[in-house]
Amino acid sequence: MRRKFVAGNWKMNTLSRSAVELASALAKAVPARLPAVDVAVCPPFPYLSAVGAAITGSGVVLGAQNVWHEKPGAFTGEVAVEMLLDVGCRWVILGHSERRQVLKETDELISRKVLASLANGLPVILCVGETLDQRKAGQTESVLDGQMQGSLAGVDVQGIGQVVVAYEPVWAIGTGMTASTEQAESAHLHLRRWLEIRYNPGVAAATRILYGGSVKAQNAQSLLEQPDVDGALVGGASLKVDDFLPIIRAAETARKS
């Protein structure tokens, strides 16, 4: 049985005080042993240490929003895997559509980051998803196949055990639009079948696949009840405790696959 996972991606939001206040409130609300759900928050780089301290002893763990694939050295402006581990990160988000679309990250670059993270023992939340034009053109599955193949190049069976996949349709991120439960389940099932073909049935059955894209309290329950939806990668709704906690609670009560 796959354990539910809800991760908050704070993106380029919060300042020091608001980040710590948000993290502290979540820490108080999420006990150290939440029976059915893993919870993570991924603040901006400058606040990783402060947020990490605020959630210590709670059921919330720390994640980062990106990483560079080289060892520490002369890479101005970048952050190494070792640095993330040093401040207590347990996860890193890679391949987010904003990195792919806005910052033009390629599958090849993302795969280097994935491999570097896994080699150093930092589990990965790998994001994949299609644009609205691609969906309208009937290319959703081929786009997902290409992103998975490229971003996971070189990742073996042992490595894939440290990867969580997040399906984030680009057209639903920050737009208020959300994939229907049928659309979400269809994409997740396709991704699971891809994992079965690329790896094996055991990997496909064990890998958690999250949904991301305007997840909020009002739609979380129906999405998380889908048999192949194992949690949520939450953007805007993770920035307020009163918006984020209902999503965590929905994951607790959702049917287990």
C-alpha atoms as a PDB file:
ATOM      1  CA  MET A   1       0.000   0.000   0.000  1.00  0.00           C
ATOM      2  CA  ARG A   2       1.422   3.349  -1.039  1.00  0.00           C
ATOM      3  CA  ARG A   3       1.624   5.942   1.720  1.00  0.00           C
ATOM      4  CA  LYS A   4       0.012   9.280   0.860  1.00  0.00           C
ATOM      5  CA  PHE A   5       2.317  12.271   0.428  1.00  0.00           C
ATOM      6  CA  VAL A   6       1.421  15.979   0.464  1.00  0.00           C
ATOM      7  CA  ALA A   7       4.173  18.482  -0.334  1.00  0.00           C
ATOM      8  CA  GLY A   8       3.926  22.261  -0.308  1.00  0.00           C
ATOM      9  CA  ASN A   9       5.896  24.158  -2.937  1.00  0.00           C
ATOM     10  CA  TRP A  10       6.185  27.717  -1.673  1.00  0.00           C
ATOM     11  CA  LYS A  11       7.869  28.865  -4.898  1.00  0.00           C
ATOM     12  CA  MET A  12       9.285  32.432  -4.708  1.00  0.00           C
ATOM     13  CA  ASN A  13       7.036  33.442  -1.827  1.00  0.00           C
ATOM     14  CA  THR A  14       7.350  34.387   1.864  1.00  0.00           C
ATOM     15  CA  LEU A  15       9.947  36.441   3.700  1.00  0.00           C
ATOM     16  CA  SER A  16      11.866  35.264   6.749  1.00  0.00           C
ATOM     17  CA  ARG A  17       9.203  36.126   9.302  1.00  0.00           C
ATOM     18  CA  SER A  18       6.249  34.827   7.318  1.00  0.00           C
ATOM     19  CA  ALA A  19       8.115  31.641   6.384  1.00  0.00           C
ATOM     20  CA  VAL A  20       8.855  30.820  10.021  1.00  0.00           C
ATOM     21  CA  GLU A  21       5.333  31.708  11.118  1.00  0.00           C
ATOM     22  CA  LEU A  22       3.847  29.439   8.461  1.00  0.00           C
ATOM     23  CA  ALA A  23       6.238  26.601   9.251  1.00  0.00           C
ATOM     24  CA  SER A  24       5.643  26.902  12.995  1.00  0.00           C
ATOM     25  CA  ALA A  25       1.880  26.804  12.568  1.00  0.00           C
ATOM     26  CA  LEU A  26       2.130  23.706  10.388  1.00  0.00           C
ATOM     27  CA  ALA A  27       4.460  22.039  12.865  1.00  0.00           C
ATOM     28  CA  LYS A  28       1.922  22.535  15.647  1.00  0.00           C
ATOM     29  CA  ALA A  29      -0.869  21.104  13.527  1.00  0.00           C
ATOM     30  CA  VAL A  30       0.955  18.082  12.071  1.00  0.00           C
ATOM     31  CA  PRO A  31       2.052  15.545  14.696  1.00  0.00           C
ATOM     32  CA  ALA A  32       5.357  13.738  14.513  1.00  0.00           C
ATOM     33  CA  ARG A  33       3.653  10.511  13.536  1.00  0.00           C
ATOM     34  CA  LEU A  34       0.849  11.207  11.109  1.00  0.00           C
ATOM     35  CA  PRO A  35      -0.636   7.744  10.508  1.00  0.00           C
ATOM     36  CA  ALA A  36      -1.284   7.758   6.774  1.00  0.00           C
ATOM     37  CA  VAL A  37       0.425  10.804   5.266  1.00  0.00           C
ATOM     38  CA  ASP A  38       3.932  12.133   4.671  1.00  0.00           C
ATOM     39  CA  VAL A  39       4.103  15.941   4.675  1.00  0.00           C
ATOM     40  CA  ALA A  40       6.847  18.198   3.303  1.00  0.00           C
ATOM     41  CA  VAL A  41       7.337  21.906   2.724  1.00  0.00           C
ATOM     42  CA  CYS A  42       9.721  23.376   0.177  1.00  0.00           C
ATOM     43  CA  PRO A  43      10.530  27.021   0.974  1.00  0.00           C
ATOM     44  CA  PRO A  44      12.849  29.336  -0.973  1.00  0.00           C
ATOM     45  CA  PHE A  45      16.577  28.701  -0.514  1.00  0.00           C
ATOM     46  CA  PRO A  46      17.238  31.631   1.889  1.00  0.00           C
ATOM     47  CA  TYR A  47      14.758  30.263   4.434  1.00  0.00           C
ATOM     48  CA  LEU A  48      15.602  26.554   4.403  1.00  0.00           C
ATOM     49  CA  SER A  49      17.515  26.625   7.695  1.00  0.00           C
ATOM     50  CA  ALA A  50      14.955  28.757   9.522  1.00  0.00           C
ATOM     51  CA  VAL A  51      12.028  26.669   8.299  1.00  0.00           C
ATOM     52  CA  GLY A  52      13.920  23.482   9.100  1.00  0.00           C
ATOM     53  CA  ALA A  53      14.380  24.647  12.673  1.00  0.00           C
ATOM     54  CA  ALA A  54      10.709  25.611  12.959  1.00  0.00           C
ATOM     55  CA  ILE A  55       9.455  22.164  11.910  1.00  0.00           C
ATOM     56  CA  THR A  56      11.909  20.120  13.984  1.00  0.00           C
ATOM     57  CA  GLY A  57      10.135  17.430  15.969  1.00  0.00           C
ATOM     58  CA  SER A  58       6.930  17.635  13.919  1.00  0.00           C
ATOM     59  CA  GLY A  59       5.516  15.466  11.157  1.00  0.00           C
ATOM     60  CA  VAL A  60       6.654  17.957   8.509  1.00  0.00           C
ATOM     61  CA  VAL A  61       9.953  17.460   6.688  1.00  0.00           C
ATOM     62  CA  LEU A  62      12.040  19.907   4.679  1.00  0.00           C
ATOM     63  CA  GLY A  63      12.427  19.988   0.919  1.00  0.00           C
ATOM     64  CA  ALA A  64      14.073  22.262  -1.639  1.00  0.00           C
ATOM     65  CA  GLN A  65      12.767  23.593  -4.941  1.00  0.00           C
ATOM     66  CA  ASN A  66      15.831  22.945  -7.105  1.00  0.00           C
ATOM     67  CA  VAL A  67      19.508  21.930  -7.050  1.00  0.00           C
ATOM     68  CA  TRP A  68      22.577  22.028  -9.275  1.00  0.00           C
ATOM     69  CA  HIS A  69      24.147  18.790 -10.463  1.00  0.00           C
ATOM     70  CA  GLU A  70      27.830  19.565  -9.871  1.00  0.00           C
ATOM     71  CA  LYS A  71      29.901  19.124  -6.733  1.00  0.00           C
ATOM     72  CA  PRO A  72      30.517  22.314  -4.693  1.00  0.00           C
ATOM     73  CA  GLY A  73      32.817  24.652  -6.577  1.00  0.00           C
ATOM     74  CA  ALA A  74      32.903  27.597  -8.958  1.00  0.00           C
ATOM     75  CA  PHE A  75      29.209  27.754  -9.894  1.00  0.00           C
ATOM     76  CA  THR A  76      28.084  31.224  -8.886  1.00  0.00           C
ATOM     77  CA  GLY A  77      24.458  31.410  -7.842  1.00  0.00           C
ATOM     78  CA  GLU A  78      23.888  27.663  -7.683  1.00  0.00           C
ATOM     79  CA  VAL A  79      23.247  25.292  -4.773  1.00  0.00           C
ATOM     80  CA  ALA A  80      24.797  21.831  -4.434  1.00  0.00           C
ATOM     81  CA  VAL A  81      23.122  18.658  -3.206  1.00  0.00           C
ATOM     82  CA  GLU A  82      25.560  18.547  -0.285  1.00  0.00           C
ATOM     83  CA  MET A  83      24.359  21.975   0.828  1.00  0.00           C
ATOM     84  CA  LEU A  84      20.728  20.892   0.829  1.00  0.00           C
ATOM     85  CA  LEU A  85      21.558  17.819   2.873  1.00  0.00           C
ATOM     86  CA  ASP A  86      23.594  19.947   5.262  1.00  0.00           C
ATOM     87  CA  VAL A  87      20.589  22.102   6.157  1.00  0.00           C
ATOM     88  CA  GLY A  88      18.332  19.085   6.617  1.00  0.00           C
ATOM     89  CA  CYS A  89      16.527  18.700   3.291  1.00  0.00           C
ATOM     90  CA  ARG A  90      14.824  15.362   2.782  1.00  0.00           C
ATOM     91  CA  TRP A  91      13.443  16.046  -0.705  1.00  0.00           C
ATOM     92  CA  VAL A  92      14.140  18.166  -3.756  1.00  0.00           C
ATOM     93  CA  ILE A  93      11.686  19.170  -6.482  1.00  0.00           C
ATOM     94  CA  LEU A  94      13.110  18.788  -9.995  1.00  0.00           C
ATOM     95  CA  GLY A  95      11.647  19.380 -13.448  1.00  0.00           C
ATOM     96  CA  HIS A  96       8.862  21.689 -12.317  1.00  0.00           C
ATOM     97  CA  SER A  97       7.053  23.211 -15.282  1.00  0.00           C
ATOM     98  CA  GLU A  98       8.209  26.688 -14.284  1.00  0.00           C
ATOM     99  CA  ARG A  99      11.788  25.462 -14.580  1.00  0.00           C
ATOM    100  CA  ARG A 100      11.012  23.765 -17.885  1.00  0.00           C
ATOM    101  CA  GLN A 101       8.856  26.486 -19.436  1.00  0.00           C
ATOM    102  CA  VAL A 102      10.218  29.737 -18.016  1.00  0.00           C
ATOM    103  CA  LEU A 103      13.867  28.849 -17.415  1.00  0.00           C
ATOM    104  CA  LYS A 104      14.127  26.461 -20.395  1.00  0.00           C
ATOM    105  CA  GLU A 105      15.493  23.485 -18.488  1.00  0.00           C
ATOM    106  CA  THR A 106      15.805  20.435 -20.718  1.00  0.00           C
ATOM    107  CA  ASP A 107      15.189  16.792 -19.897  1.00  0.00           C
ATOM    108  CA  GLU A 108      18.945  16.246 -20.209  1.00  0.00           C
ATOM    109  CA  LEU A 109      19.726  18.871 -17.567  1.00  0.00           C
ATOM    110  CA  ILE A 110      16.974  17.588 -15.296  1.00  0.00           C
ATOM    111  CA  SER A 111      18.335  14.049 -15.580  1.00  0.00           C
ATOM    112  CA  ARG A 112      21.756  15.265 -14.444  1.00  0.00           C
ATOM    113  CA  LYS A 113      20.158  16.860 -11.401  1.00  0.00           C
ATOM    114  CA  VAL A 114      18.150  13.710 -10.687  1.00  0.00           C
ATOM    115  CA  LEU A 115      21.238  11.507 -10.884  1.00  0.00           C
ATOM    116  CA  ALA A 116      23.304  13.849  -8.698  1.00  0.00           C
ATOM    117  CA  SER A 117      20.566  14.000  -6.075  1.00  0.00           C
ATOM    118  CA  LEU A 118      20.073  10.254  -5.959  1.00  0.00           C
ATOM    119  CA  ALA A 119      23.814   9.586  -5.883  1.00  0.00           C
ATOM    120  CA  ASN A 120      24.040  11.687  -2.733  1.00  0.00           C
ATOM    121  CA  GLY A 121      21.011  10.152  -1.048  1.00  0.00           C
ATOM    122  CA  LEU A 122      18.542  13.000  -1.598  1.00  0.00           C
ATOM    123  CA  PRO A 123      15.135  11.715  -2.808  1.00  0.00           C
ATOM    124  CA  VAL A 124      13.512  13.491  -5.750  1.00  0.00           C
ATOM    125  CA  ILE A 125      10.032  14.775  -6.557  1.00  0.00           C
ATOM    126  CA  LEU A 126      10.122  14.702 -10.376  1.00  0.00           C
ATOM    127  CA  CYS A 127       7.527  16.875 -12.106  1.00  0.00           C
ATOM    128  CA  VAL A 128       6.095  16.119 -15.533  1.00  0.00           C
ATOM    129  CA  GLY A 129       3.146  17.561 -17.407  1.00  0.00           C
ATOM    130  CA  GLU A 130       1.765  18.850 -20.674  1.00  0.00           C
ATOM    131  CA  THR A 131       0.731  22.317 -21.863  1.00  0.00           C
ATOM    132  CA  LEU A 132      -2.822  23.174 -22.875  1.00  0.00           C
ATOM    133  CA  ASP A 133      -1.892  23.132 -26.571  1.00  0.00           C
ATOM    134  CA  GLN A 134      -0.337  19.696 -26.181  1.00  0.00           C
ATOM    135  CA  ARG A 135      -3.432  18.379 -24.434  1.00  0.00           C
ATOM    136  CA  LYS A 136      -5.722  19.822 -27.113  1.00  0.00           C
ATOM    137  CA  ALA A 137      -3.551  18.159 -29.751  1.00  0.00           C
ATOM    138  CA  GLY A 138      -3.906  14.782 -28.045  1.00  0.00           C
ATOM    139  CA  GLN A 139      -0.219  14.692 -27.121  1.00  0.00           C
ATOM    140  CA  THR A 140      -0.513  14.303 -23.347  1.00  0.00           C
ATOM    141  CA  GLU A 141       0.739  10.732 -23.200  1.00  0.00           C
ATOM    142  CA  SER A 142       3.573  11.212 -25.676  1.00  0.00           C
ATOM    143  CA  VAL A 143       4.741  14.333 -23.810  1.00  0.00           C
ATOM    144  CA  LEU A 144       4.702  12.465 -20.500  1.00  0.00           C
ATOM    145  CA  ASP A 145       6.586   9.557 -22.056  1.00  0.00           C
ATOM    146  CA  GLY A 146       9.281  11.878 -23.392  1.00  0.00           C
ATOM    147  CA  GLN A 147       9.703  13.751 -20.126  1.00  0.00           C
ATOM    148  CA  MET A 148       9.892  10.542 -18.109  1.00  0.00           C
ATOM    149  CA  GLN A 149      12.341   8.913 -20.500  1.00  0.00           C
ATOM    150  CA  GLY A 150      14.589  11.967 -20.664  1.00  0.00           C
ATOM    151  CA  SER A 151      14.431  13.016 -17.029  1.00  0.00           C
ATOM    152  CA  LEU A 152      15.024   9.495 -15.696  1.00  0.00           C
ATOM    153  CA  ALA A 153      17.786   8.583 -18.131  1.00  0.00           C
ATOM    154  CA  GLY A 154      20.348   6.518 -16.276  1.00  0.00           C
ATOM    155  CA  VAL A 155      18.151   5.940 -13.220  1.00  0.00           C
ATOM    156  CA  ASP A 156      18.172   2.237 -12.351  1.00  0.00           C
ATOM    157  CA  VAL A 157      15.705   0.147 -10.352  1.00  0.00           C
ATOM    158  CA  GLN A 158      17.389   1.017  -7.073  1.00  0.00           C
ATOM    159  CA  GLY A 159      17.369   4.722  -7.883  1.00  0.00           C
ATOM    160  CA  ILE A 160      13.747   4.880  -8.953  1.00  0.00           C
ATOM    161  CA  GLY A 161      12.811   3.728  -5.463  1.00  0.00           C
ATOM    162  CA  GLN A 162      13.886   7.194  -4.258  1.00  0.00           C
ATOM    163  CA  VAL A 163      11.766   9.074  -6.813  1.00  0.00           C
ATOM    164  CA  VAL A 164       8.235  10.389  -6.407  1.00  0.00           C
ATOM    165  CA  VAL A 165       6.588  11.489  -9.652  1.00  0.00           C
ATOM    166  CA  ALA A 166       4.339  14.558  -9.701  1.00  0.00           C
ATOM    167  CA  TYR A 167       1.926  14.969 -12.608  1.00  0.00           C
ATOM    168  CA  GLU A 168       1.381  18.683 -13.055  1.00  0.00           C
ATOM    169  CA  PRO A 169      -0.578  19.681 -16.154  1.00  0.00           C
ATOM    170  CA  VAL A 170       0.925  23.057 -17.044  1.00  0.00           C
ATOM    171  CA  TRP A 171      -2.477  24.446 -17.956  1.00  0.00           C
ATOM    172  CA  ALA A 172      -3.700  23.873 -14.386  1.00  0.00           C
ATOM    173  CA  ILE A 173      -0.810  25.437 -12.452  1.00  0.00           C
ATOM    174  CA  GLY A 174      -1.752  28.751 -10.876  1.00  0.00           C
ATOM    175  CA  THR A 175      -4.679  29.195 -13.264  1.00  0.00           C
ATOM    176  CA  GLY A 176      -7.501  28.072 -11.018  1.00  0.00           C
ATOM    177  CA  MET A 177      -8.196  25.314 -13.544  1.00  0.00           C
ATOM    178  CA  THR A 178      -7.881  21.765 -12.244  1.00  0.00           C
ATOM    179  CA  ALA A 179      -7.780  18.496 -14.120  1.00  0.00           C
ATOM    180  CA  SER A 180     -10.975  16.542 -13.653  1.00  0.00           C
ATOM    181  CA  THR A 181     -10.719  13.420 -11.556  1.00  0.00           C
ATOM    182  CA  GLU A 182     -10.956  11.399 -14.765  1.00  0.00           C
ATOM    183  CA  GLN A 183      -8.160  13.391 -16.446  1.00  0.00           C
ATOM    184  CA  ALA A 184      -5.917  13.102 -13.390  1.00  0.00           C
ATOM    185  CA  GLU A 185      -6.493   9.379 -12.947  1.00  0.00           C
ATOM    186  CA  SER A 186      -5.937   8.720 -16.651  1.00  0.00           C
ATOM    187  CA  ALA A 187      -2.583  10.511 -16.658  1.00  0.00           C
ATOM    188  CA  HIS A 188      -1.488   8.843 -13.419  1.00  0.00           C
ATOM    189  CA  LEU A 189      -2.441   5.406 -14.720  1.00  0.00           C
ATOM    190  CA  HIS A 190      -0.473   6.076 -17.901  1.00  0.00           C
ATOM    191  CA  LEU A 191       2.572   7.070 -15.861  1.00  0.00           C
ATOM    192  CA  ARG A 192       2.253   3.913 -13.779  1.00  0.00           C
ATOM    193  CA  ARG A 193       2.091   1.788 -16.894  1.00  0.00           C
ATOM    194  CA  TRP A 194       5.182   3.575 -18.210  1.00  0.00           C
ATOM    195  CA  LEU A 195       7.021   2.667 -15.014  1.00  0.00           C
ATOM    196  CA  GLU A 196       5.925  -0.953 -15.396  1.00  0.00           C
ATOM    197  CA  ILE A 197       7.266  -1.129 -18.959  1.00  0.00           C
ATOM    198  CA  ARG A 198      10.478   0.798 -18.226  1.00  0.00           C
ATOM    199  CA  TYR A 199      11.222  -0.941 -14.923  1.00  0.00           C
ATOM    200  CA  ASN A 200       8.922  -3.693 -13.643  1.00  0.00           C
ATOM    201  CA  PRO A 201       5.476  -4.229 -12.077  1.00  0.00           C
ATOM    202  CA  GLY A 202       6.887  -3.956  -8.562  1.00  0.00           C
ATOM    203  CA  VAL A 203       8.322  -0.502  -9.246  1.00  0.00           C
ATOM    204  CA  ALA A 204       5.062   0.615 -10.856  1.00  0.00           C
ATOM    205  CA  ALA A 205       3.047  -0.565  -7.874  1.00  0.00           C
ATOM    206  CA  ALA A 206       5.372   1.037  -5.309  1.00  0.00           C
ATOM    207  CA  THR A 207       6.071   4.449  -6.909  1.00  0.00           C
ATOM    208  CA  ARG A 208       4.014   7.300  -5.555  1.00  0.00           C
ATOM    209  CA  ILE A 209       2.514   9.641  -8.152  1.00  0.00           C
ATOM    210  CA  LEU A 210       1.253  13.000  -6.906  1.00  0.00           C
ATOM    211  CA  TYR A 211      -1.132  15.402  -8.594  1.00  0.00           C
ATOM    212  CA  GLY A 212      -0.302  19.101  -8.787  1.00  0.00           C
ATOM    213  CA  GLY A 213      -2.232  21.928 -10.385  1.00  0.00           C
ATOM    214  CA  SER A 214      -4.538  24.246  -8.433  1.00  0.00           C
ATOM    215  CA  VAL A 215      -5.103  21.693  -5.684  1.00  0.00           C
ATOM    216  CA  LYS A 216      -7.240  23.179  -2.916  1.00  0.00           C
ATOM    217  CA  ALA A 217      -9.468  22.091  -0.078  1.00  0.00           C
ATOM    218  CA  GLN A 218     -12.531  21.998  -2.316  1.00  0.00           C
ATOM    219  CA  ASN A 219     -11.133  19.482  -4.814  1.00  0.00           C
ATOM    220  CA  ALA A 220      -8.506  17.582  -2.827  1.00  0.00           C
ATOM    221  CA  GLN A 221     -10.757  14.788  -1.569  1.00  0.00           C
ATOM    222  CA  SER A 222     -12.082  13.782  -4.986  1.00  0.00           C
ATOM    223  CA  LEU A 223      -8.602  13.870  -6.539  1.00  0.00           C
ATOM    224  CA  LEU A 224      -6.931  11.955  -3.721  1.00  0.00           C
ATOM    225  CA  GLU A 225      -9.572   9.234  -3.785  1.00  0.00           C
ATOM    226  CA  GLN A 226      -8.504   8.191  -7.281  1.00  0.00           C
ATOM    227  CA  PRO A 227      -6.703   4.817  -7.104  1.00  0.00           C
ATOM    228  CA  ASP A 228      -3.529   6.035  -8.829  1.00  0.00           C
ATOM    229  CA  VAL A 229      -3.318   9.468  -7.160  1.00  0.00           C
ATOM    230  CA  ASP A 230      -1.022   9.073  -4.165  1.00  0.00           C
ATOM    231  CA  GLY A 231      -0.937  12.631  -2.900  1.00  0.00           C
ATOM    232  CA  ALA A 232      -0.547  16.235  -3.973  1.00  0.00           C
ATOM    233  CA  LEU A 233       2.146  18.766  -4.796  1.00  0.00           C
ATOM    234  CA  VAL A 234       0.496  21.980  -3.654  1.00  0.00           C
ATOM    235  CA  GLY A 235       1.404  25.502  -4.722  1.00  0.00           C
ATOM    236  CA  GLY A 236      -0.641  28.526  -3.663  1.00  0.00           C
ATOM    237  CA  ALA A 237      -2.771  26.637  -1.155  1.00  0.00           C
ATOM    238  CA  SER A 238       0.349  25.640   0.799  1.00  0.00           C
ATOM    239  CA  LEU A 239       1.026  29.264   1.727  1.00  0.00           C
ATOM    240  CA  LYS A 240      -1.796  29.444   4.288  1.00  0.00           C
ATOM    241  CA  VAL A 241      -2.248  26.945   7.092  1.00  0.00           C
ATOM    242  CA  ASP A 242      -6.027  27.083   6.813  1.00  0.00           C
ATOM    243  CA  ASP A 243      -5.778  26.167   3.116  1.00  0.00           C
ATOM    244  CA  PHE A 244      -3.045  23.537   3.400  1.00  0.00           C
ATOM    245  CA  LEU A 245      -4.289  21.546   6.387  1.00  0.00           C
ATOM    246  CA  PRO A 246      -7.590  20.494   4.748  1.00  0.00           C
ATOM    247  CA  ILE A 247      -5.577  18.972   1.898  1.00  0.00           C
ATOM    248  CA  ILE A 248      -3.501  16.990   4.385  1.00  0.00           C
ATOM    249  CA  ARG A 249      -6.688  15.864   6.128  1.00  0.00           C
ATOM    250  CA  ALA A 250      -8.180  14.834   2.783  1.00  0.00           C
ATOM    251  CA  ALA A 251      -5.127  12.676   2.154  1.00  0.00           C
ATOM    252  CA  GLU A 252      -5.614  11.055   5.568  1.00  0.00           C
ATOM    253  CA  THR A 253      -9.176  10.039   4.788  1.00  0.00           C
ATOM    254  CA  ALA A 254      -8.832   9.216   1.086  1.00  0.00           C
ATOM    255  CA  ARG A 255      -9.211   5.626   0.001  1.00  0.00           C
ATOM    256  CA  LYS A 256      -5.945   3.709  -0.031  1.00  0.00           C
ATOM    257  CA  SER A 257      -4.921   1.936  -3.192  1.00  0.00           C
END
